[in-house]
N, C-alpha and C. Protein backbone atom coordinates (compact mmCIF):
# COMPACT_ATOMS: atom_id res chain seq x y z
N MET A 1 7.27 24.07 3.39
CA MET A 1 6.43 22.98 4.08
C MET A 1 7.45 21.89 4.49
N LYS A 2 7.69 21.08 5.83
CA LYS A 2 8.73 20.16 5.41
C LYS A 2 8.01 18.88 4.54
N ALA A 3 9.11 17.92 4.35
CA ALA A 3 8.80 17.16 3.72
C ALA A 3 7.86 15.95 3.94
N SER A 4 7.91 15.82 5.33
CA SER A 4 6.60 14.53 5.87
C SER A 4 6.04 15.54 6.54
N ASP A 5 5.70 16.96 6.45
CA ASP A 5 4.15 17.70 6.40
C ASP A 5 3.80 17.35 5.14
N LEU A 6 4.12 17.13 3.79
CA LEU A 6 3.99 16.97 2.67
C LEU A 6 3.55 15.67 2.23
N LEU A 7 4.29 14.67 2.79
CA LEU A 7 3.56 13.24 2.77
C LEU A 7 2.73 12.75 3.83
N VAL A 8 2.63 13.55 4.77
CA VAL A 8 0.97 13.45 5.59
C VAL A 8 0.05 13.87 4.86
N LYS A 9 0.02 15.23 4.20
CA LYS A 9 -0.53 15.82 3.07
C LYS A 9 -1.21 15.43 2.26
N ALA A 10 -0.24 14.53 1.48
CA ALA A 10 -0.37 13.51 0.02
C ALA A 10 -1.21 12.30 0.91
N LEU A 11 -1.00 11.76 1.75
CA LEU A 11 -1.84 10.65 2.38
C LEU A 11 -3.55 11.01 2.75
N GLU A 12 -3.39 12.60 2.87
CA GLU A 12 -4.68 12.97 3.53
C GLU A 12 -5.03 13.13 2.00
N ASN A 13 -4.89 13.90 0.63
CA ASN A 13 -5.37 14.04 -0.33
C ASN A 13 -5.93 12.59 -0.87
N GLU A 14 -5.11 11.31 -0.55
CA GLU A 14 -5.92 10.41 -0.80
C GLU A 14 -6.93 9.64 -0.27
N GLY A 15 -7.06 10.33 0.96
CA GLY A 15 -8.63 9.38 1.35
C GLY A 15 -7.92 8.76 3.12
N VAL A 16 -6.56 8.75 3.15
CA VAL A 16 -5.91 8.02 4.30
C VAL A 16 -6.82 8.39 5.52
N GLU A 17 -7.28 7.18 6.38
CA GLU A 17 -7.70 7.68 7.51
C GLU A 17 -6.72 6.94 8.83
N TYR A 18 -6.96 6.12 8.67
CA TYR A 18 -5.41 5.46 9.87
C TYR A 18 -4.46 5.16 9.01
N ILE A 19 -3.79 5.03 10.05
CA ILE A 19 -2.35 4.42 9.97
C ILE A 19 -1.61 3.55 11.32
N PHE A 20 -1.15 2.22 11.21
CA PHE A 20 -1.33 1.66 11.63
C PHE A 20 0.75 1.42 11.82
N GLY A 21 1.03 1.40 13.26
CA GLY A 21 2.50 1.20 13.31
C GLY A 21 2.67 1.43 14.49
N ILE A 22 4.49 1.65 14.37
CA ILE A 22 5.25 1.82 15.69
C ILE A 22 6.03 3.17 15.31
N PRO A 23 5.95 3.98 16.65
CA PRO A 23 7.24 5.18 16.26
C PRO A 23 8.34 4.28 16.33
N GLY A 24 9.46 5.27 15.91
CA GLY A 24 10.75 5.33 16.36
C GLY A 24 11.81 6.20 15.68
N GLU A 25 12.91 6.51 16.09
CA GLU A 25 14.08 7.49 15.77
C GLU A 25 13.81 7.89 14.10
N GLU A 26 13.82 6.58 13.38
CA GLU A 26 13.96 7.64 11.98
C GLU A 26 12.46 8.28 11.96
N ASN A 27 11.38 7.52 12.39
CA ASN A 27 9.82 8.72 11.54
C ASN A 27 9.46 9.36 12.30
N LEU A 28 10.52 9.88 13.20
CA LEU A 28 9.77 10.56 14.23
C LEU A 28 9.40 12.18 13.34
N ASP A 29 9.66 12.88 12.79
CA ASP A 29 9.69 13.71 12.18
C ASP A 29 7.84 13.21 11.49
N PHE A 30 8.15 12.63 10.44
CA PHE A 30 6.64 11.78 10.16
C PHE A 30 5.56 12.20 11.00
N LEU A 31 5.79 11.30 12.35
CA LEU A 31 5.20 11.28 13.57
C LEU A 31 4.43 12.83 13.98
N ASN A 32 5.54 13.68 13.90
CA ASN A 32 4.91 15.07 14.47
C ASN A 32 4.36 15.61 13.32
N SER A 33 4.50 15.03 11.93
CA SER A 33 3.55 15.85 11.37
C SER A 33 2.04 15.55 11.17
N LEU A 34 2.02 14.23 11.41
CA LEU A 34 0.52 13.41 11.53
C LEU A 34 0.06 13.68 12.96
N LYS A 35 0.71 14.83 14.06
CA LYS A 35 -0.28 14.56 14.98
C LYS A 35 -0.80 15.75 14.45
N ASP A 36 -0.85 16.98 14.10
CA ASP A 36 -2.25 17.88 13.11
C ASP A 36 -2.75 17.55 12.42
N SER A 37 -2.64 16.49 11.77
CA SER A 37 -3.63 15.82 10.78
C SER A 37 -4.78 15.46 11.06
N LYS A 38 -6.02 14.98 9.72
CA LYS A 38 -6.98 14.26 10.50
C LYS A 38 -6.73 12.67 10.33
N ILE A 39 -5.55 12.39 10.22
CA ILE A 39 -5.58 10.59 10.11
C ILE A 39 -5.06 10.41 11.93
N LYS A 40 -5.72 9.20 11.98
CA LYS A 40 -5.57 8.75 12.85
C LYS A 40 -4.39 7.76 13.05
N LEU A 41 -3.66 7.33 13.88
CA LEU A 41 -2.29 6.39 14.08
C LEU A 41 -3.20 5.34 15.25
N ILE A 42 -2.99 3.96 14.73
CA ILE A 42 -3.29 2.85 15.45
C ILE A 42 -2.09 2.28 15.88
N LEU A 43 -1.84 2.42 16.90
CA LEU A 43 -0.19 1.97 17.90
C LEU A 43 -0.20 0.48 18.03
N THR A 44 0.36 0.18 17.52
CA THR A 44 0.29 -2.12 17.67
C THR A 44 1.46 -1.91 18.52
N ARG A 45 1.80 -3.24 19.21
CA ARG A 45 3.19 -3.72 19.38
C ARG A 45 3.77 -4.21 18.84
N HIS A 46 3.79 -4.54 17.79
CA HIS A 46 4.68 -5.21 16.44
C HIS A 46 4.13 -4.84 15.29
N GLU A 47 5.31 -4.55 14.79
CA GLU A 47 5.20 -4.25 13.34
C GLU A 47 4.27 -5.39 12.56
N GLN A 48 4.36 -6.82 12.27
CA GLN A 48 3.43 -7.50 11.99
C GLN A 48 2.24 -7.44 11.84
N ALA A 49 1.99 -6.97 13.24
CA ALA A 49 0.39 -6.84 13.28
C ALA A 49 -0.09 -5.66 12.52
N ALA A 50 0.81 -4.52 12.67
CA ALA A 50 0.23 -3.20 11.92
C ALA A 50 0.23 -3.71 10.45
N GLY A 51 1.16 -4.40 10.05
CA GLY A 51 1.16 -4.73 8.14
C GLY A 51 -0.30 -5.79 8.08
N PHE A 52 -0.39 -6.55 9.05
CA PHE A 52 -1.76 -7.14 8.97
C PHE A 52 -2.80 -6.24 9.16
N MET A 53 -3.17 -5.51 9.81
CA MET A 53 -4.30 -4.18 10.17
C MET A 53 -4.31 -3.93 9.16
N ALA A 54 -3.00 -3.41 7.94
CA ALA A 54 -3.67 -2.61 6.95
C ALA A 54 -3.81 -3.44 5.66
N ALA A 55 -3.51 -4.28 5.50
CA ALA A 55 -3.80 -5.69 5.05
C ALA A 55 -4.98 -5.67 4.82
N THR A 56 -5.22 -6.22 6.31
CA THR A 56 -7.50 -6.39 5.97
C THR A 56 -7.71 -5.02 6.03
N TYR A 57 -7.36 -3.95 6.30
CA TYR A 57 -8.34 -2.64 5.96
C TYR A 57 -8.19 -2.71 4.47
N GLY A 58 -7.83 -3.06 3.77
CA GLY A 58 -6.95 -2.94 2.07
C GLY A 58 -8.16 -3.84 1.92
N ARG A 59 -8.20 -5.39 2.37
CA ARG A 59 -9.36 -6.32 1.99
C ARG A 59 -10.75 -5.44 2.08
N MET A 60 -11.07 -5.21 3.19
CA MET A 60 -12.05 -5.21 3.83
C MET A 60 -13.01 -3.88 2.73
N THR A 61 -12.33 -3.10 2.85
CA THR A 61 -12.75 -1.51 2.11
C THR A 61 -12.35 -1.32 0.96
N GLY A 62 -11.37 -2.24 -0.20
CA GLY A 62 -10.71 -1.72 -1.28
C GLY A 62 -9.67 -0.84 -1.37
N LYS A 63 -9.39 0.14 -0.20
CA LYS A 63 -8.95 1.35 -0.24
C LYS A 63 -7.48 1.05 0.41
N PRO A 64 -6.33 1.11 0.02
CA PRO A 64 -5.07 0.68 0.52
C PRO A 64 -4.78 1.12 2.35
N GLY A 65 -4.80 0.26 2.79
CA GLY A 65 -4.47 0.54 4.32
C GLY A 65 -3.14 0.60 4.09
N VAL A 66 -2.43 1.39 5.04
CA VAL A 66 -1.20 1.93 5.29
C VAL A 66 -0.43 1.49 6.81
N CYS A 67 0.38 1.30 6.51
CA CYS A 67 1.14 1.02 7.99
C CYS A 67 2.52 1.77 7.69
N LEU A 68 3.50 1.58 9.10
CA LEU A 68 4.36 2.30 9.18
C LEU A 68 5.05 1.31 10.37
N SER A 69 7.03 2.06 9.55
CA SER A 69 7.56 1.05 10.26
C SER A 69 9.01 2.05 10.28
N THR A 70 9.78 1.54 11.55
CA THR A 70 11.06 2.18 11.11
C THR A 70 11.83 1.34 10.48
N LEU A 71 13.27 1.39 10.51
CA LEU A 71 13.78 1.08 9.64
C LEU A 71 14.44 0.05 10.04
N GLY A 72 15.15 -0.97 9.19
CA GLY A 72 15.82 -1.85 9.29
C GLY A 72 15.23 -3.15 10.08
N PRO A 73 15.38 -4.24 11.16
CA PRO A 73 14.85 -4.50 11.44
C PRO A 73 13.64 -4.86 11.51
N GLY A 74 12.87 -3.59 12.20
CA GLY A 74 11.67 -3.08 12.39
C GLY A 74 10.86 -3.17 11.09
N ALA A 75 11.49 -2.88 9.98
CA ALA A 75 11.17 -2.94 8.23
C ALA A 75 11.11 -4.32 7.67
N THR A 76 11.99 -4.99 8.38
CA THR A 76 11.83 -6.66 7.96
C THR A 76 10.79 -6.96 8.61
N ASN A 77 10.16 -6.58 9.69
CA ASN A 77 8.90 -7.47 9.92
C ASN A 77 7.81 -7.29 8.93
N LEU A 78 7.72 -6.21 8.31
CA LEU A 78 6.41 -6.17 7.32
C LEU A 78 6.50 -6.97 5.98
N THR A 79 7.86 -7.62 6.04
CA THR A 79 7.70 -8.45 4.75
C THR A 79 6.41 -9.38 4.68
N THR A 80 6.01 -10.19 5.53
CA THR A 80 5.19 -11.20 5.76
C THR A 80 3.66 -10.38 5.42
N PRO A 81 3.42 -9.13 6.26
CA PRO A 81 1.92 -8.68 5.90
C PRO A 81 2.01 -7.84 4.25
N ALA A 82 3.53 -7.85 4.06
CA ALA A 82 3.15 -7.82 2.60
C ALA A 82 3.44 -8.66 1.13
N ALA A 83 4.04 -9.76 1.98
CA ALA A 83 3.71 -11.05 0.98
C ALA A 83 1.96 -11.48 0.79
N TYR A 84 1.67 -11.30 1.88
CA TYR A 84 0.13 -11.78 2.73
C TYR A 84 -0.93 -11.06 1.64
N ALA A 85 -0.32 -9.56 1.59
CA ALA A 85 -1.36 -8.42 0.82
C ALA A 85 -1.07 -8.53 -0.38
N GLN A 86 0.01 -8.97 -1.33
CA GLN A 86 0.47 -9.35 -2.44
C GLN A 86 -0.34 -10.79 -3.12
N LEU A 87 0.20 -11.38 -2.61
CA LEU A 87 -0.70 -13.24 -2.97
C LEU A 87 -2.46 -13.02 -2.85
N GLY A 88 -2.85 -11.99 -1.99
CA GLY A 88 -4.46 -11.67 -1.83
C GLY A 88 -5.07 -10.66 -2.60
N ALA A 89 -4.34 -10.24 -3.14
CA ALA A 89 -4.81 -9.22 -4.29
C ALA A 89 -5.35 -7.97 -3.11
N MET A 90 -4.67 -7.46 -2.16
CA MET A 90 -5.32 -6.86 -1.22
C MET A 90 -4.53 -5.15 -1.13
N PRO A 91 -5.06 -3.95 -1.66
CA PRO A 91 -4.30 -2.76 -1.55
C PRO A 91 -3.40 -2.29 -0.36
N MET A 92 -2.26 -1.92 -0.07
CA MET A 92 -1.76 -1.53 0.83
C MET A 92 -0.64 -0.59 0.83
N LEU A 93 0.01 0.37 1.75
CA LEU A 93 1.44 0.93 1.31
C LEU A 93 1.49 0.70 2.70
N ILE A 94 3.11 0.44 2.28
CA ILE A 94 4.23 0.19 3.59
C ILE A 94 4.93 1.39 3.35
N ILE A 95 4.78 2.31 4.96
CA ILE A 95 6.13 3.64 4.51
C ILE A 95 7.10 3.06 5.75
N THR A 96 8.39 3.01 5.26
CA THR A 96 9.35 3.19 6.40
C THR A 96 10.63 4.05 6.58
N GLY A 97 10.91 3.88 7.62
CA GLY A 97 12.18 4.82 7.60
C GLY A 97 13.47 4.25 7.63
N GLN A 98 14.40 5.50 7.64
CA GLN A 98 15.56 5.31 6.80
C GLN A 98 16.82 6.26 7.55
N LYS A 99 17.84 5.04 7.99
CA LYS A 99 18.87 6.73 8.03
C LYS A 99 19.41 7.79 7.28
N PRO A 100 19.88 8.73 7.70
CA PRO A 100 19.71 10.00 6.56
C PRO A 100 20.84 9.06 5.26
N ILE A 101 20.69 9.94 4.04
CA ILE A 101 20.88 9.49 2.93
C ILE A 101 22.01 9.99 2.64
N LEU A 102 22.27 11.49 3.07
CA LEU A 102 23.04 12.75 2.74
C LEU A 102 24.21 12.60 2.99
N LYS A 103 23.93 12.36 4.64
CA LYS A 103 25.19 12.29 5.75
C LYS A 103 24.59 11.41 6.77
N SER A 104 25.73 10.31 7.45
CA SER A 104 25.19 9.84 8.33
C SER A 104 26.36 9.73 9.35
N LYS A 105 25.66 9.74 10.79
CA LYS A 105 27.01 9.82 11.55
C LYS A 105 27.14 8.07 11.87
N GLN A 106 26.26 7.27 12.04
CA GLN A 106 26.34 6.05 12.40
C GLN A 106 26.67 5.43 11.67
N ALA A 107 27.36 5.69 10.13
CA ALA A 107 27.87 4.60 9.06
C ALA A 107 26.35 3.51 9.37
N GLY A 108 26.65 2.12 8.89
CA GLY A 108 26.00 1.17 8.13
C GLY A 108 24.69 0.57 9.66
N PHE A 109 24.46 1.49 10.91
CA PHE A 109 24.49 0.31 12.00
C PHE A 109 22.85 0.32 11.97
N GLN A 110 22.46 -0.43 11.93
CA GLN A 110 20.90 -1.42 11.58
C GLN A 110 20.08 -0.94 9.86
N ILE A 111 21.37 -0.35 9.17
CA ILE A 111 20.53 -0.05 7.82
C ILE A 111 20.77 -1.69 7.16
N VAL A 112 19.72 -1.69 6.54
CA VAL A 112 18.90 -3.31 5.27
C VAL A 112 18.57 -2.02 4.27
N ASP A 113 18.81 -3.18 3.20
CA ASP A 113 18.21 -2.75 1.97
C ASP A 113 16.94 -2.84 1.39
N ILE A 114 16.16 -2.24 2.46
CA ILE A 114 14.83 -2.34 2.62
C ILE A 114 14.14 -2.46 0.93
N VAL A 115 14.47 -1.56 0.14
CA VAL A 115 13.62 -1.37 -1.09
C VAL A 115 13.79 -2.11 -2.01
N ASP A 116 15.65 -3.31 -2.10
CA ASP A 116 15.27 -3.58 -2.55
C ASP A 116 14.34 -5.68 -1.99
N LEU A 117 14.77 -5.43 -0.59
CA LEU A 117 13.97 -6.44 0.14
C LEU A 117 12.89 -6.55 -0.87
N PHE A 118 12.15 -5.81 -1.12
CA PHE A 118 10.56 -5.86 -1.01
C PHE A 118 10.28 -5.69 -2.60
N LYS A 119 11.03 -5.60 -3.28
CA LYS A 119 11.12 -5.78 -4.96
C LYS A 119 9.73 -7.33 -5.25
N PRO A 120 10.39 -8.19 -4.41
CA PRO A 120 9.84 -9.49 -4.82
C PRO A 120 8.39 -9.96 -4.79
N ILE A 121 8.14 -8.85 -3.17
CA ILE A 121 7.00 -8.88 -2.42
C ILE A 121 5.96 -7.98 -2.87
N THR A 122 6.28 -7.03 -3.42
CA THR A 122 5.37 -5.51 -3.84
C THR A 122 5.51 -5.59 -5.22
N LYS A 123 4.45 -4.85 -5.50
CA LYS A 123 4.24 -3.51 -6.89
C LYS A 123 5.09 -2.87 -7.44
N TYR A 124 4.99 -2.45 -6.33
CA TYR A 124 5.88 -0.61 -6.17
C TYR A 124 6.68 -0.59 -5.12
N THR A 125 8.21 -0.42 -5.10
CA THR A 125 8.72 -0.01 -4.11
C THR A 125 9.91 1.07 -3.89
N ARG A 126 10.30 2.31 -3.36
CA ARG A 126 11.02 3.44 -4.02
C ARG A 126 11.59 3.79 -2.46
N GLN A 127 12.61 4.36 -3.06
CA GLN A 127 13.47 5.18 -1.65
C GLN A 127 12.69 6.85 -1.50
N ILE A 128 12.42 7.50 -1.03
CA ILE A 128 12.28 9.21 -1.45
C ILE A 128 13.59 9.48 -1.34
N VAL A 129 14.09 10.43 -2.23
CA VAL A 129 15.48 10.89 -2.38
C VAL A 129 15.37 12.24 -2.25
N HIS A 130 14.14 13.19 -2.59
CA HIS A 130 13.64 14.67 -2.36
C HIS A 130 12.19 14.71 -2.12
N GLY A 131 12.12 15.88 -1.46
CA GLY A 131 11.01 16.21 -0.65
C GLY A 131 9.69 16.52 -2.03
N ASP A 132 10.24 17.14 -2.87
CA ASP A 132 9.28 17.56 -4.01
C ASP A 132 8.87 16.18 -4.61
N ALA A 133 9.29 15.20 -4.54
CA ALA A 133 9.01 14.00 -5.15
C ALA A 133 7.93 13.54 -4.68
N ILE A 134 7.83 13.43 -3.65
CA ILE A 134 6.63 12.99 -2.77
C ILE A 134 5.12 12.55 -3.06
N PRO A 135 4.71 13.82 -3.48
CA PRO A 135 3.59 13.72 -4.49
C PRO A 135 3.54 12.82 -5.36
N VAL A 136 3.61 13.21 -6.11
CA VAL A 136 4.21 11.80 -7.23
C VAL A 136 4.05 10.49 -6.97
N MET A 137 5.38 10.17 -6.34
CA MET A 137 5.56 8.70 -5.78
C MET A 137 3.82 8.41 -5.06
N VAL A 138 3.66 9.21 -3.95
CA VAL A 138 2.38 8.87 -3.71
C VAL A 138 1.59 8.27 -4.19
N ARG A 139 1.24 9.57 -5.34
CA ARG A 139 -0.36 8.89 -6.28
C ARG A 139 0.31 7.93 -7.12
N GLU A 140 1.47 7.72 -7.66
CA GLU A 140 1.86 6.62 -8.35
C GLU A 140 2.00 4.70 -7.77
N ALA A 141 1.88 5.09 -6.67
CA ALA A 141 1.96 4.07 -5.25
C ALA A 141 0.37 3.49 -5.13
N PHE A 142 -0.73 4.70 -5.22
CA PHE A 142 -2.40 4.36 -4.74
C PHE A 142 -2.46 4.06 -5.93
N SER A 143 -2.24 4.34 -6.96
CA SER A 143 -2.52 4.22 -8.40
C SER A 143 -2.44 2.58 -8.58
N LEU A 144 -1.04 2.03 -8.23
CA LEU A 144 -0.93 0.79 -8.54
C LEU A 144 -1.35 -0.29 -7.13
N ALA A 145 -1.27 0.41 -6.54
CA ALA A 145 -1.71 -0.39 -5.15
C ALA A 145 -3.11 -0.98 -5.34
N ILE A 146 -4.16 -0.46 -6.28
CA ILE A 146 -5.82 -0.68 -6.19
C ILE A 146 -6.14 -1.09 -7.71
N GLU A 147 -4.97 -0.87 -8.86
CA GLU A 147 -5.18 -1.16 -10.05
C GLU A 147 -5.60 -3.04 -9.99
N GLU A 148 -5.93 -3.25 -11.05
CA GLU A 148 -5.96 -4.88 -10.88
C GLU A 148 -4.23 -5.17 -11.59
N ARG A 149 -3.55 -6.51 -11.19
CA ARG A 149 -4.75 -7.12 -9.94
C ARG A 149 -3.74 -6.09 -8.34
N PRO A 150 -4.89 -5.69 -7.34
CA PRO A 150 -4.65 -5.03 -6.10
C PRO A 150 -3.38 -5.62 -5.29
N GLY A 151 -2.93 -4.48 -4.78
CA GLY A 151 -1.46 -5.62 -3.83
C GLY A 151 -0.57 -4.25 -3.13
N ALA A 152 0.15 -5.16 -2.84
CA ALA A 152 1.34 -3.95 -1.91
C ALA A 152 2.17 -3.58 -2.46
N VAL A 153 2.27 -1.76 -2.00
CA VAL A 153 3.50 -0.77 -2.44
C VAL A 153 4.23 -0.13 -1.59
N HIS A 154 5.46 0.24 -1.65
CA HIS A 154 6.33 0.22 -0.89
C HIS A 154 7.21 1.99 -0.45
N LEU A 155 7.15 2.58 0.11
CA LEU A 155 7.78 4.21 0.49
C LEU A 155 9.34 3.64 1.46
N GLU A 156 10.08 4.23 0.75
CA GLU A 156 11.06 4.92 2.13
C GLU A 156 11.58 5.83 2.40
N LEU A 157 11.45 6.69 3.83
CA LEU A 157 11.73 7.82 3.92
C LEU A 157 12.76 8.18 4.99
N PRO A 158 13.91 8.75 3.90
CA PRO A 158 14.97 8.46 5.18
C PRO A 158 14.66 10.12 5.79
N GLU A 159 15.58 9.96 6.54
CA GLU A 159 15.47 10.79 8.18
C GLU A 159 15.61 12.31 8.10
N ASP A 160 17.00 12.28 6.83
CA ASP A 160 17.06 13.29 6.78
C ASP A 160 16.21 14.26 5.41
N ILE A 161 15.66 13.54 4.61
CA ILE A 161 14.56 13.61 3.60
C ILE A 161 13.90 14.56 4.34
N ALA A 162 13.01 13.48 5.23
CA ALA A 162 11.53 14.13 5.77
C ALA A 162 12.03 15.34 6.53
N ALA A 163 12.95 15.70 7.00
CA ALA A 163 13.02 17.08 7.86
C ALA A 163 13.30 18.44 6.66
N GLU A 164 13.79 18.04 5.24
CA GLU A 164 13.84 19.06 4.50
C GLU A 164 12.62 19.83 3.81
N ASP A 165 13.05 20.56 3.75
CA ASP A 165 12.02 22.12 3.52
C ASP A 165 11.66 21.45 1.30
N SER A 166 10.46 21.46 1.49
CA SER A 166 9.66 21.00 0.07
C SER A 166 8.44 21.68 -0.56
N ILE A 167 8.23 21.87 -1.50
CA ILE A 167 6.93 22.49 -2.42
C ILE A 167 5.94 22.08 -1.81
N ASP A 168 4.66 22.85 -1.24
CA ASP A 168 3.27 22.77 -0.91
C ASP A 168 2.64 22.75 -1.86
N ARG A 169 2.22 20.77 -2.58
CA ARG A 169 1.59 20.92 -3.34
C ARG A 169 0.77 18.78 -3.37
N VAL A 170 0.24 18.82 -4.30
CA VAL A 170 0.06 17.53 -4.00
C VAL A 170 -0.84 17.28 -5.50
N PHE A 171 -1.57 15.78 -5.96
CA PHE A 171 -1.44 15.75 -6.95
C PHE A 171 -3.30 15.32 -7.11
N ASP A 172 -4.14 15.68 -8.02
CA ASP A 172 -5.55 15.96 -8.15
C ASP A 172 -5.07 14.08 -7.98
N VAL A 173 -6.58 13.34 -7.83
CA VAL A 173 -6.46 12.25 -6.90
C VAL A 173 -7.80 11.37 -8.74
N VAL A 174 -7.10 10.65 -9.46
CA VAL A 174 -7.44 10.35 -10.94
C VAL A 174 -7.98 8.92 -10.60
N GLY A 175 -9.38 8.58 -11.21
CA GLY A 175 -9.88 7.59 -11.46
C GLY A 175 -8.99 6.22 -12.66
N PHE A 176 -9.41 5.45 -12.87
CA PHE A 176 -8.83 4.57 -13.88
C PHE A 176 -10.13 3.47 -13.69
N ARG A 177 -10.04 3.28 -15.47
CA ARG A 177 -10.73 2.07 -15.90
C ARG A 177 -10.40 0.81 -15.72
N ARG A 178 -11.18 -0.07 -15.47
CA ARG A 178 -10.49 -1.31 -15.07
C ARG A 178 -11.03 -2.28 -16.68
N PRO A 179 -9.96 -3.08 -17.19
CA PRO A 179 -9.90 -3.52 -18.43
C PRO A 179 -11.15 -4.58 -18.76
N ASP A 180 -11.51 -4.55 -19.66
CA ASP A 180 -12.93 -5.46 -20.05
C ASP A 180 -12.25 -6.93 -20.70
N ALA A 181 -12.69 -8.03 -20.18
CA ALA A 181 -12.30 -8.85 -21.04
C ALA A 181 -12.89 -9.46 -22.11
N ASP A 182 -12.21 -10.07 -23.12
CA ASP A 182 -12.79 -9.85 -24.52
C ASP A 182 -14.16 -10.93 -24.63
N ARG A 183 -15.17 -10.25 -25.44
CA ARG A 183 -16.46 -11.30 -25.53
C ARG A 183 -16.45 -12.44 -26.10
N LEU A 184 -15.38 -12.66 -27.01
CA LEU A 184 -15.36 -14.41 -27.65
C LEU A 184 -15.09 -15.38 -26.55
N ALA A 185 -14.10 -14.53 -25.74
CA ALA A 185 -13.59 -15.09 -24.48
C ALA A 185 -15.16 -15.47 -23.33
N ILE A 186 -15.36 -14.26 -23.53
CA ILE A 186 -16.75 -14.70 -22.39
C ILE A 186 -17.77 -15.40 -22.66
N GLN A 187 -18.15 -15.99 -24.20
CA GLN A 187 -18.95 -16.53 -24.55
C GLN A 187 -18.36 -17.70 -24.79
N THR A 188 -17.37 -17.92 -24.64
CA THR A 188 -16.66 -19.45 -24.75
C THR A 188 -16.68 -20.00 -23.39
N ALA A 189 -16.78 -19.18 -22.07
CA ALA A 189 -16.44 -19.52 -21.18
C ALA A 189 -18.59 -20.11 -20.77
N VAL A 190 -19.01 -18.61 -21.36
CA VAL A 190 -20.75 -19.33 -21.13
C VAL A 190 -21.30 -20.54 -21.45
N ASN A 191 -20.62 -20.89 -22.96
CA ASN A 191 -21.18 -21.95 -23.87
C ASN A 191 -20.44 -23.52 -22.69
N LEU A 192 -19.17 -23.25 -22.27
CA LEU A 192 -18.35 -24.65 -21.18
C LEU A 192 -19.10 -24.66 -20.26
N ILE A 193 -19.94 -23.36 -19.53
CA ILE A 193 -20.72 -22.88 -18.31
C ILE A 193 -22.26 -24.31 -18.45
N GLU A 194 -22.60 -23.96 -19.30
CA GLU A 194 -24.09 -24.11 -19.68
C GLU A 194 -24.16 -25.42 -20.04
N ALA A 195 -23.02 -25.87 -20.58
CA ALA A 195 -22.84 -27.21 -21.19
C ALA A 195 -22.69 -28.49 -20.31
N ALA A 196 -22.30 -27.98 -19.04
CA ALA A 196 -21.63 -28.70 -17.71
C ALA A 196 -22.58 -29.53 -17.33
N HIS A 197 -22.39 -30.74 -16.60
CA HIS A 197 -23.54 -31.49 -15.80
C HIS A 197 -23.35 -31.23 -14.63
N MET A 198 -21.94 -31.11 -13.99
CA MET A 198 -21.99 -31.15 -12.79
C MET A 198 -20.92 -29.79 -12.16
N PRO A 199 -20.98 -28.31 -12.58
CA PRO A 199 -20.10 -27.41 -12.75
C PRO A 199 -19.94 -27.17 -11.23
N LEU A 200 -18.40 -27.03 -11.08
CA LEU A 200 -17.99 -26.69 -9.67
C LEU A 200 -17.16 -25.38 -9.78
N LEU A 201 -17.10 -24.16 -9.04
CA LEU A 201 -16.74 -23.37 -8.92
C LEU A 201 -15.82 -23.23 -7.80
N LEU A 202 -14.69 -22.90 -8.40
CA LEU A 202 -13.37 -22.35 -7.36
C LEU A 202 -12.67 -20.93 -7.19
N ILE A 203 -13.38 -20.77 -6.33
CA ILE A 203 -13.80 -18.93 -5.72
C ILE A 203 -11.94 -19.35 -5.20
N GLY A 204 -11.10 -17.82 -6.13
CA GLY A 204 -9.69 -17.46 -4.83
C GLY A 204 -10.03 -16.01 -4.03
N ALA A 205 -8.78 -16.06 -3.90
CA ALA A 205 -8.72 -14.67 -2.88
C ALA A 205 -9.28 -13.22 -3.44
N GLY A 206 -8.83 -13.44 -4.64
CA GLY A 206 -9.04 -12.45 -5.57
C GLY A 206 -10.56 -11.87 -5.75
N ALA A 207 -11.95 -12.57 -5.62
CA ALA A 207 -13.05 -12.22 -5.27
C ALA A 207 -13.50 -11.56 -4.20
N ASN A 208 -12.26 -11.17 -3.38
CA ASN A 208 -12.67 -10.19 -2.13
C ASN A 208 -13.16 -8.92 -2.78
N ARG A 209 -13.04 -8.16 -4.26
CA ARG A 209 -13.05 -7.02 -4.38
C ARG A 209 -14.69 -6.79 -4.52
N LYS A 210 -14.85 -5.59 -4.19
CA LYS A 210 -16.05 -5.54 -4.00
C LYS A 210 -17.01 -5.39 -5.50
N ARG A 211 -16.84 -5.49 -6.64
CA ARG A 211 -17.29 -5.49 -7.77
C ARG A 211 -17.49 -7.04 -8.50
N THR A 212 -16.27 -7.42 -7.61
CA THR A 212 -16.29 -9.11 -8.13
C THR A 212 -17.34 -9.90 -7.42
N SER A 213 -17.21 -9.71 -6.31
CA SER A 213 -17.86 -10.83 -5.14
C SER A 213 -19.38 -9.53 -5.69
N LYS A 214 -19.63 -8.67 -5.75
CA LYS A 214 -21.15 -8.61 -6.63
C LYS A 214 -21.53 -9.61 -7.66
N ALA A 215 -20.82 -9.50 -8.40
CA ALA A 215 -20.99 -9.99 -9.56
C ALA A 215 -20.92 -11.59 -9.71
N LEU A 216 -20.21 -12.10 -8.74
CA LEU A 216 -19.77 -13.51 -8.28
C LEU A 216 -21.34 -13.83 -7.69
N LYS A 217 -21.66 -13.34 -6.64
CA LYS A 217 -23.31 -13.29 -6.28
C LYS A 217 -24.06 -13.79 -7.43
N GLN A 218 -24.30 -12.29 -7.71
CA GLN A 218 -25.02 -12.66 -9.08
C GLN A 218 -25.19 -14.31 -9.72
N PHE A 219 -24.30 -14.31 -10.04
CA PHE A 219 -23.59 -15.47 -11.26
C PHE A 219 -24.17 -16.83 -10.54
N VAL A 220 -24.03 -16.97 -9.28
CA VAL A 220 -24.55 -18.08 -8.66
C VAL A 220 -25.50 -18.34 -8.40
N ALA A 221 -26.38 -17.15 -8.16
CA ALA A 221 -28.16 -17.09 -8.07
C ALA A 221 -28.52 -17.29 -9.18
N HIS A 222 -28.02 -16.83 -10.17
CA HIS A 222 -29.24 -17.39 -11.68
C HIS A 222 -28.62 -18.42 -11.85
N THR A 223 -27.12 -19.38 -11.78
CA THR A 223 -27.07 -20.32 -12.31
C THR A 223 -27.36 -21.77 -11.54
C-alpha cells in the first residue's frame, strides 16, 4: 500500500475519528487516502482554527486530537495551537506536509524547517523519511501525547514519501501505567492540609484530565 494509506490505517488503529485541517498540494496523497477511511475530515478556513479544534478535542476527550496542514506558511500557523496544547496538557497530533525530500523541482520554495520549529513547543517532532517507519512513529507519537504530562506531538510527511510503497502493518495499541506519588510525600501533604486553618486550592489546567478531575472533585467534597 501507499505510505499515505498506511498512515491513515495507523491513525484508524489509534482510534482517530476526526481530523481538522486544510487541503494543500503537499498533503493531497494523504487526503485521497482519507476518502475511503472511517476518519472524517473537518474542513476549516484557517490552520490555526484546525489546531485549536484538535487541542480542544484532546482536552475534552483525553484522546489526541489530530490536525492537518500543508507545508511552510500553512504549517507555521499551527505553532500557536501547539504551544496552547503543550502548556495546557492537551494531547494532540499535528500532521504537516512537505516538499519531496529525495528530489525537488522547486528548490527551497516555501520550505521551512518545521521539525526544528516545533521542537520547543511539542513533546515529539519528526520527519517521516521512509514509509515503513510510519507505524512505529505513529505509535510513539500517540503514546507520548497521552503520557504524563500530555501535550502536542508532530509528524511531517513529505510529498514523495507519502506516494511510495510501504509494508501493510500497524502496531498494537498498548496502554501505559501512570506513576504513583511517593506515599510519604502524600502523607506530608495530608498533614499540612489537615492542619491548615484557611486552605486555598489553586487548580491549574492540568486538572482537566478525567481521572485527575474526578479525584479533585472528591477531595473538594470531602474536605
